[in-house]
């Protein structure tokens, strides 16, 4: 099953088709020309921001969850 899904994903990687309800960014952001530009200017910064937000939330609640994770009873 994994090999079949891998083969399908390999074939689909060569197809380019528009995603429905997705805006075309060429008119709005003229400096984005290639797929690498999309990764550098869109995906990378937002993934870094997402990681920082998730890390901050985890740091805030970790102290409260530590006794539960270690199996200790709450006092």
Protein backbone atom coordinates (compact mmCIF):
# COMPACT_ATOMS: atom_id res chain seq x y z
CA UNK A 1 0.00 0.00 0.00
CA UNK A 2 2.85 2.36 0.84
CA UNK A 3 4.57 1.64 -2.46
CA UNK A 4 1.36 2.31 -4.36
CA UNK A 5 0.84 5.66 -2.62
CA UNK A 6 4.48 6.58 -3.20
CA UNK A 7 4.15 5.81 -6.92
CA UNK A 8 0.98 7.91 -7.18
CA UNK A 9 2.61 10.83 -5.37
CA UNK A 10 5.66 10.60 -7.65
CA UNK A 11 3.46 10.87 -10.76
CA UNK A 12 1.34 13.68 -9.28
CA UNK A 13 4.49 15.68 -8.44
CA UNK A 14 4.98 16.33 -12.17
CA UNK A 15 1.46 17.69 -12.72
CA UNK A 16 0.65 21.36 -12.28
CA UNK A 17 -2.95 22.42 -11.90
CA UNK A 18 -4.66 25.38 -10.24
CA UNK A 19 -6.11 24.83 -6.80
CA UNK A 20 -9.78 25.87 -6.64
CA UNK A 21 -10.48 29.02 -4.61
CA UNK A 22 -6.77 29.79 -4.44
CA UNK A 23 -5.73 33.26 -5.53
CA UNK A 24 -3.12 33.78 -8.18
CA UNK A 25 -0.20 35.52 -6.46
CA UNK A 26 1.52 36.76 -9.62
CA UNK A 27 -0.59 39.93 -9.78
CA UNK A 28 -0.31 40.73 -6.06
CA UNK A 29 3.35 39.88 -5.49
CA UNK A 30 5.34 40.59 -8.64
CA UNK A 31 8.67 39.40 -7.15
CA UNK A 32 7.42 35.79 -6.89
CA UNK A 33 8.36 34.08 -10.15
CA UNK A 34 9.35 30.49 -9.28
CA UNK A 35 8.39 27.78 -6.81
CA UNK A 36 11.57 28.50 -4.86
CA UNK A 37 10.39 32.09 -4.37
CA UNK A 38 7.10 30.77 -2.99
CA UNK A 39 8.99 28.65 -0.48
CA UNK A 40 11.40 31.42 0.53
CA UNK A 41 8.86 34.25 0.78
CA UNK A 42 5.73 32.38 1.95
CA UNK A 43 6.27 28.91 3.38
CA UNK A 44 9.53 29.39 5.26
CA UNK A 45 8.63 32.55 7.23
CA UNK A 46 5.19 31.25 8.20
CA UNK A 47 6.58 27.87 9.26
CA UNK A 48 9.13 29.64 11.47
CA UNK A 49 6.37 31.83 12.93
CA UNK A 50 4.17 28.77 13.51
CA UNK A 51 7.04 26.99 15.28
CA UNK A 52 7.66 29.97 17.56
CA UNK A 53 3.96 30.26 18.48
CA UNK A 54 3.61 26.54 19.19
CA UNK A 55 6.85 26.60 21.21
CA UNK A 56 5.67 29.56 23.28
CA UNK A 57 2.31 27.93 24.03
CA UNK A 58 4.05 24.69 24.99
CA UNK A 59 6.44 26.53 27.31
CA UNK A 60 3.51 28.25 29.05
CA UNK A 61 1.54 25.06 29.75
CA UNK A 62 4.37 22.55 30.24
CA UNK A 63 4.91 23.41 33.90
CA UNK A 64 1.25 22.68 34.65
CA UNK A 65 1.29 19.42 32.69
CA UNK A 66 4.55 18.04 34.12
CA UNK A 67 2.93 16.21 37.10
CA UNK A 68 0.35 14.60 34.82
CA UNK A 69 2.99 13.50 32.33
CA UNK A 70 5.14 11.98 35.10
CA UNK A 71 2.15 10.15 36.55
CA UNK A 72 2.13 12.01 39.85
CA UNK A 73 -1.10 12.84 41.64
CA UNK A 74 -2.25 16.44 41.89
CA UNK A 75 -2.19 18.00 45.36
